[in-house]
């Protein structure tokens, strides 16, 4: 959480500590969401479709994807 000394935590009120912990936990959820979104997009950009008897990319250019 970025604290260098134990005294920084000891000087906080219990409410302040709980709010900082909640904010930290929510930031962790945001990071996990971003990682999962990146994994999904990586999967999507490599998607293929069948064209006749061969597989071709769904997105041929960046503009097709974004």
PDB file of N, CA and C in Angstrom:
ATOM      1  N   UNK A   1       0.819  -1.201   0.000  1.00  0.00           N
ATOM      2  CA  UNK A   1       0.000   0.000   0.000  1.00  0.00           C
ATOM      3  C   UNK A   1       0.855   1.255   0.000  1.00  0.00           C
ATOM      4  N   UNK A   2       2.152   1.100  -0.008  1.00  0.00           N
ATOM      5  CA  UNK A   2       3.020   2.254  -0.151  1.00  0.00           C
ATOM      6  C   UNK A   2       3.531   2.846   1.145  1.00  0.00           C
ATOM      7  N   UNK A   3       3.298   2.195   2.256  1.00  0.00           N
ATOM      8  CA  UNK A   3       3.775   2.722   3.537  1.00  0.00           C
ATOM      9  C   UNK A   3       5.203   2.272   3.782  1.00  0.00           C
ATOM     10  N   UNK A   4       6.036   3.208   4.270  1.00  0.00           N
ATOM     11  CA  UNK A   4       7.442   2.904   4.522  1.00  0.00           C
ATOM     12  C   UNK A   4       7.696   2.593   5.993  1.00  0.00           C
ATOM     13  N   UNK A   5       6.862   3.147   6.878  1.00  0.00           N
ATOM     14  CA  UNK A   5       7.076   2.980   8.312  1.00  0.00           C
ATOM     15  C   UNK A   5       5.787   2.521   8.986  1.00  0.00           C
ATOM     16  N   UNK A   6       5.946   1.687   9.990  1.00  0.00           N
ATOM     17  CA  UNK A   6       4.808   1.194  10.750  1.00  0.00           C
ATOM     18  C   UNK A   6       4.063   2.343  11.426  1.00  0.00           C
ATOM     19  N   UNK A   7       4.767   3.399  11.772  1.00  0.00           N
ATOM     20  CA  UNK A   7       4.133   4.537  12.450  1.00  0.00           C
ATOM     21  C   UNK A   7       3.070   5.204  11.576  1.00  0.00           C
ATOM     22  N   UNK A   8       3.235   5.138  10.254  1.00  0.00           N
ATOM     23  CA  UNK A   8       2.230   5.707   9.346  1.00  0.00           C
ATOM     24  C   UNK A   8       0.897   4.985   9.500  1.00  0.00           C
ATOM     25  N   UNK A   9       0.957   3.692   9.702  1.00  0.00           N
ATOM     26  CA  UNK A   9      -0.267   2.910   9.889  1.00  0.00           C
ATOM     27  C   UNK A   9      -0.816   3.104  11.297  1.00  0.00           C
ATOM     28  N   UNK A  10       0.060   3.152  12.271  1.00  0.00           N
ATOM     29  CA  UNK A  10      -0.359   3.303  13.662  1.00  0.00           C
ATOM     30  C   UNK A  10      -1.055   4.643  13.911  1.00  0.00           C
ATOM     31  N   UNK A  11      -0.703   5.670  13.145  1.00  0.00           N
ATOM     32  CA  UNK A  11      -1.287   6.997  13.332  1.00  0.00           C
ATOM     33  C   UNK A  11      -2.682   7.127  12.702  1.00  0.00           C
ATOM     34  N   UNK A  12      -3.099   6.147  11.922  1.00  0.00           N
ATOM     35  CA  UNK A  12      -4.410   6.196  11.276  1.00  0.00           C
ATOM     36  C   UNK A  12      -5.510   5.796  12.252  1.00  0.00           C
ATOM     37  N   UNK A  13      -6.695   6.336  11.995  1.00  0.00           N
ATOM     38  CA  UNK A  13      -7.860   5.853  12.746  1.00  0.00           C
ATOM     39  C   UNK A  13      -8.287   4.522  12.138  1.00  0.00           C
ATOM     40  N   UNK A  14      -9.060   3.764  12.872  1.00  0.00           N
ATOM     41  CA  UNK A  14      -9.543   2.481  12.368  1.00  0.00           C
ATOM     42  C   UNK A  14     -10.390   2.683  11.110  1.00  0.00           C
ATOM     43  N   UNK A  15     -11.218   3.714  11.096  1.00  0.00           N
ATOM     44  CA  UNK A  15     -12.054   4.015   9.927  1.00  0.00           C
ATOM     45  C   UNK A  15     -11.174   4.303   8.707  1.00  0.00           C
ATOM     46  N   UNK A  16     -10.151   5.140   8.905  1.00  0.00           N
ATOM     47  CA  UNK A  16      -9.263   5.496   7.798  1.00  0.00           C
ATOM     48  C   UNK A  16      -8.552   4.251   7.263  1.00  0.00           C
ATOM     49  N   UNK A  17      -8.085   3.396   8.178  1.00  0.00           N
ATOM     50  CA  UNK A  17      -7.417   2.152   7.766  1.00  0.00           C
ATOM     51  C   UNK A  17      -8.371   1.261   6.966  1.00  0.00           C
ATOM     52  N   UNK A  18      -9.595   1.116   7.444  1.00  0.00           N
ATOM     53  CA  UNK A  18     -10.579   0.281   6.739  1.00  0.00           C
ATOM     54  C   UNK A  18     -10.890   0.828   5.349  1.00  0.00           C
ATOM     55  N   UNK A  19     -10.995   2.142   5.233  1.00  0.00           N
ATOM     56  CA  UNK A  19     -11.275   2.750   3.929  1.00  0.00           C
ATOM     57  C   UNK A  19     -10.096   2.560   2.981  1.00  0.00           C
ATOM     58  N   UNK A  20      -8.881   2.683   3.487  1.00  0.00           N
ATOM     59  CA  UNK A  20      -7.700   2.479   2.638  1.00  0.00           C
ATOM     60  C   UNK A  20      -7.592   1.020   2.207  1.00  0.00           C
ATOM     61  N   UNK A  21      -7.940   0.104   3.101  1.00  0.00           N
ATOM     62  CA  UNK A  21      -7.926  -1.313   2.740  1.00  0.00           C
ATOM     63  C   UNK A  21      -8.998  -1.616   1.690  1.00  0.00           C
ATOM     64  N   UNK A  22     -10.153  -1.012   1.835  1.00  0.00           N
ATOM     65  CA  UNK A  22     -11.217  -1.210   0.850  1.00  0.00           C
ATOM     66  C   UNK A  22     -10.781  -0.656  -0.509  1.00  0.00           C
ATOM     67  N   UNK A  23     -10.175   0.516  -0.510  1.00  0.00           N
ATOM     68  CA  UNK A  23      -9.687   1.103  -1.764  1.00  0.00           C
ATOM     69  C   UNK A  23      -8.616   0.215  -2.394  1.00  0.00           C
ATOM     70  N   UNK A  24      -7.728  -0.326  -1.581  1.00  0.00           N
ATOM     71  CA  UNK A  24      -6.689  -1.222  -2.091  1.00  0.00           C
ATOM     72  C   UNK A  24      -7.312  -2.470  -2.705  1.00  0.00           C
ATOM     73  N   UNK A  25      -8.263  -3.070  -2.002  1.00  0.00           N
ATOM     74  CA  UNK A  25      -8.919  -4.276  -2.511  1.00  0.00           C
ATOM     75  C   UNK A  25      -9.664  -4.005  -3.814  1.00  0.00           C
ATOM     76  N   UNK A  26     -10.310  -2.862  -3.911  1.00  0.00           N
ATOM     77  CA  UNK A  26     -11.008  -2.513  -5.154  1.00  0.00           C
ATOM     78  C   UNK A  26     -10.019  -2.281  -6.296  1.00  0.00           C
ATOM     79  N   UNK A  27      -8.861  -1.720  -5.984  1.00  0.00           N
ATOM     80  CA  UNK A  27      -7.849  -1.520  -7.036  1.00  0.00           C
ATOM     81  C   UNK A  27      -7.325  -2.867  -7.526  1.00  0.00           C
ATOM     82  N   UNK A  28      -7.258  -3.862  -6.631  1.00  0.00           N
ATOM     83  CA  UNK A  28      -6.845  -5.201  -7.036  1.00  0.00           C
ATOM     84  C   UNK A  28      -7.878  -5.819  -7.980  1.00  0.00           C
ATOM     85  N   UNK A  29      -9.150  -5.617  -7.698  1.00  0.00           N
ATOM     86  CA  UNK A  29     -10.216  -6.109  -8.579  1.00  0.00           C
ATOM     87  C   UNK A  29     -10.111  -5.439  -9.944  1.00  0.00           C
ATOM     88  N   UNK A  30      -9.839  -4.131  -9.963  1.00  0.00           N
ATOM     89  CA  UNK A  30      -9.670  -3.421 -11.239  1.00  0.00           C
ATOM     90  C   UNK A  30      -8.513  -4.013 -12.043  1.00  0.00           C
ATOM     91  N   UNK A  31      -7.407  -4.335 -11.379  1.00  0.00           N
ATOM     92  CA  UNK A  31      -6.252  -4.916 -12.068  1.00  0.00           C
ATOM     93  C   UNK A  31      -6.597  -6.279 -12.641  1.00  0.00           C
ATOM     94  N   UNK A  32      -7.318  -7.090 -11.867  1.00  0.00           N
ATOM     95  CA  UNK A  32      -7.719  -8.409 -12.359  1.00  0.00           C
ATOM     96  C   UNK A  32      -8.650  -8.287 -13.560  1.00  0.00           C
ATOM     97  N   UNK A  33      -9.568  -7.341 -13.503  1.00  0.00           N
ATOM     98  CA  UNK A  33     -10.486  -7.124 -14.625  1.00  0.00           C
ATOM     99  C   UNK A  33      -9.701  -6.734 -15.871  1.00  0.00           C
ATOM    100  N   UNK A  34      -8.740  -5.844 -15.713  1.00  0.00           N
ATOM    101  CA  UNK A  34      -7.932  -5.404 -16.851  1.00  0.00           C
ATOM    102  C   UNK A  34      -7.142  -6.571 -17.448  1.00  0.00           C
ATOM    103  N   UNK A  35      -6.591  -7.439 -16.593  1.00  0.00           N
ATOM    104  CA  UNK A  35      -5.845  -8.602 -17.092  1.00  0.00           C
ATOM    105  C   UNK A  35      -6.761  -9.557 -17.855  1.00  0.00           C
ATOM    106  N   UNK A  36      -7.959  -9.777 -17.336  1.00  0.00           N
ATOM    107  CA  UNK A  36      -8.891 -10.673 -18.018  1.00  0.00           C
ATOM    108  C   UNK A  36      -9.370 -10.077 -19.340  1.00  0.00           C
ATOM    109  N   UNK A  37      -9.583  -8.786 -19.357  1.00  0.00           N
ATOM    110  CA  UNK A  37      -9.985  -8.126 -20.599  1.00  0.00           C
ATOM    111  C   UNK A  37      -8.871  -8.236 -21.642  1.00  0.00           C
ATOM    112  N   UNK A  38      -7.622  -8.055 -21.214  1.00  0.00           N
ATOM    113  CA  UNK A  38      -6.500  -8.175 -22.138  1.00  0.00           C
ATOM    114  C   UNK A  38      -6.404  -9.594 -22.693  1.00  0.00           C
ATOM    115  N   UNK A  39      -6.589 -10.583 -21.844  1.00  0.00           N
ATOM    116  CA  UNK A  39      -6.555 -11.975 -22.302  1.00  0.00           C
ATOM    117  C   UNK A  39      -7.666 -12.232 -23.315  1.00  0.00           C
ATOM    118  N   UNK A  40      -8.844 -11.701 -23.047  1.00  0.00           N
ATOM    119  CA  UNK A  40      -9.974 -11.885 -23.976  1.00  0.00           C
ATOM    120  C   UNK A  40      -9.673 -11.234 -25.324  1.00  0.00           C
ATOM    121  N   UNK A  41      -9.143 -10.025 -25.295  1.00  0.00           N
ATOM    122  CA  UNK A  41      -8.826  -9.340 -26.546  1.00  0.00           C
ATOM    123  C   UNK A  41      -7.711 -10.068 -27.303  1.00  0.00           C
ATOM    124  N   UNK A  42      -6.717 -10.582 -26.585  1.00  0.00           N
ATOM    125  CA  UNK A  42      -5.664 -11.356 -27.245  1.00  0.00           C
ATOM    126  C   UNK A  42      -6.252 -12.578 -27.945  1.00  0.00           C
ATOM    127  N   UNK A  43      -7.214 -13.199 -27.317  1.00  0.00           N
ATOM    128  CA  UNK A  43      -7.886 -14.350 -27.922  1.00  0.00           C
ATOM    129  C   UNK A  43      -8.680 -13.915 -29.154  1.00  0.00           C
ATOM    130  N   UNK A  44      -9.407 -12.817 -29.038  1.00  0.00           N
ATOM    131  CA  UNK A  44     -10.255 -12.337 -30.136  1.00  0.00           C
ATOM    132  C   UNK A  44      -9.433 -11.946 -31.361  1.00  0.00           C
ATOM    133  N   UNK A  45      -8.312 -11.312 -31.142  1.00  0.00           N
ATOM    134  CA  UNK A  45      -7.520 -10.824 -32.276  1.00  0.00           C
ATOM    135  C   UNK A  45      -6.912 -11.979 -33.079  1.00  0.00           C
ATOM    136  N   UNK A  46      -6.771 -13.139 -32.461  1.00  0.00           N
ATOM    137  CA  UNK A  46      -6.245 -14.300 -33.181  1.00  0.00           C
ATOM    138  C   UNK A  46      -7.356 -15.204 -33.705  1.00  0.00           C
ATOM    139  N   UNK A  47      -8.593 -14.769 -33.626  1.00  0.00           N
ATOM    140  CA  UNK A  47      -9.735 -15.575 -34.071  1.00  0.00           C
ATOM    141  C   UNK A  47      -9.651 -15.845 -35.573  1.00  0.00           C
ATOM    142  N   UNK A  48     -10.121 -17.025 -35.942  1.00  0.00           N
ATOM    143  CA  UNK A  48     -10.163 -17.397 -37.356  1.00  0.00           C
ATOM    144  C   UNK A  48     -11.576 -17.862 -37.709  1.00  0.00           C
ATOM    145  N   UNK A  49     -11.825 -17.885 -39.004  1.00  0.00           N
ATOM    146  CA  UNK A  49     -13.091 -18.415 -39.502  1.00  0.00           C
ATOM    147  C   UNK A  49     -12.779 -19.305 -40.701  1.00  0.00           C
ATOM    148  N   UNK A  50     -13.707 -20.151 -41.009  1.00  0.00           N
ATOM    149  CA  UNK A  50     -13.499 -21.069 -42.119  1.00  0.00           C
ATOM    150  C   UNK A  50     -13.924 -20.401 -43.420  1.00  0.00           C
ATOM    151  N   UNK A  51     -13.042 -20.447 -44.383  1.00  0.00           N
ATOM    152  CA  UNK A  51     -13.331 -19.918 -45.712  1.00  0.00           C
ATOM    153  C   UNK A  51     -13.014 -21.034 -46.697  1.00  0.00           C
ATOM    154  N   UNK A  52     -14.054 -21.697 -47.132  1.00  0.00           N
ATOM    155  CA  UNK A  52     -13.837 -22.888 -47.960  1.00  0.00           C
ATOM    156  C   UNK A  52     -13.306 -23.997 -47.070  1.00  0.00           C
ATOM    157  N   UNK A  53     -12.106 -24.486 -47.405  1.00  0.00           N
ATOM    158  CA  UNK A  53     -11.503 -25.548 -46.598  1.00  0.00           C
ATOM    159  C   UNK A  53     -10.370 -25.040 -45.720  1.00  0.00           C
ATOM    160  N   UNK A  54     -10.126 -23.734 -45.720  1.00  0.00           N
ATOM    161  CA  UNK A  54      -9.008 -23.232 -44.913  1.00  0.00           C
ATOM    162  C   UNK A  54      -9.488 -22.212 -43.885  1.00  0.00           C
ATOM    163  N   UNK A  55      -8.673 -22.004 -42.883  1.00  0.00           N
ATOM    164  CA  UNK A  55      -8.955 -21.033 -41.821  1.00  0.00           C
ATOM    165  C   UNK A  55      -8.300 -19.693 -42.189  1.00  0.00           C
ATOM    166  N   UNK A  56      -9.067 -18.617 -42.069  1.00  0.00           N
ATOM    167  CA  UNK A  56      -8.529 -17.283 -42.342  1.00  0.00           C
ATOM    168  C   UNK A  56      -8.808 -16.384 -41.134  1.00  0.00           C
ATOM    169  N   UNK A  57      -7.975 -15.384 -40.923  1.00  0.00           N
ATOM    170  CA  UNK A  57      -8.204 -14.486 -39.779  1.00  0.00           C
ATOM    171  C   UNK A  57      -9.530 -13.743 -39.920  1.00  0.00           C
ATOM    172  N   UNK A  58     -10.214 -13.567 -38.793  1.00  0.00           N
ATOM    173  CA  UNK A  58     -11.452 -12.793 -38.792  1.00  0.00           C
ATOM    174  C   UNK A  58     -11.118 -11.320 -39.025  1.00  0.00           C
ATOM    175  N   UNK A  59     -10.026 -10.863 -38.413  1.00  0.00           N
ATOM    176  CA  UNK A  59      -9.609  -9.457 -38.527  1.00  0.00           C
ATOM    177  C   UNK A  59      -8.325  -9.398 -39.349  1.00  0.00           C
ATOM    178  N   UNK A  60      -8.417  -8.832 -40.529  1.00  0.00           N
ATOM    179  CA  UNK A  60      -7.253  -8.756 -41.409  1.00  0.00           C
ATOM    180  C   UNK A  60      -6.399  -7.524 -41.108  1.00  0.00           C
ATOM    181  N   UNK A  61      -7.032  -6.454 -40.643  1.00  0.00           N
ATOM    182  CA  UNK A  61      -6.324  -5.208 -40.332  1.00  0.00           C
ATOM    183  C   UNK A  61      -6.709  -4.751 -38.934  1.00  0.00           C
ATOM    184  N   UNK A  62      -5.869  -3.919 -38.348  1.00  0.00           N
ATOM    185  CA  UNK A  62      -6.137  -3.366 -37.025  1.00  0.00           C
ATOM    186  C   UNK A  62      -7.470  -2.634 -37.020  1.00  0.00           C
ATOM    187  N   UNK A  63      -7.776  -1.900 -38.066  1.00  0.00           N
ATOM    188  CA  UNK A  63      -9.017  -1.128 -38.152  1.00  0.00           C
ATOM    189  C   UNK A  63     -10.243  -2.045 -38.105  1.00  0.00           C
ATOM    190  N   UNK A  64     -10.094  -3.282 -38.586  1.00  0.00           N
ATOM    191  CA  UNK A  64     -11.206  -4.234 -38.522  1.00  0.00           C
ATOM    192  C   UNK A  64     -11.490  -4.661 -37.090  1.00  0.00           C
ATOM    193  N   UNK A  65     -10.441  -4.672 -36.283  1.00  0.00           N
ATOM    194  CA  UNK A  65     -10.568  -5.120 -34.894  1.00  0.00           C
ATOM    195  C   UNK A  65     -11.009  -3.997 -33.980  1.00  0.00           C
ATOM    196  N   UNK A  66     -10.475  -2.795 -34.192  1.00  0.00           N
ATOM    197  CA  UNK A  66     -10.766  -1.677 -33.275  1.00  0.00           C
ATOM    198  C   UNK A  66     -11.578  -0.624 -33.995  1.00  0.00           C
TER     199      UNK A  66
END
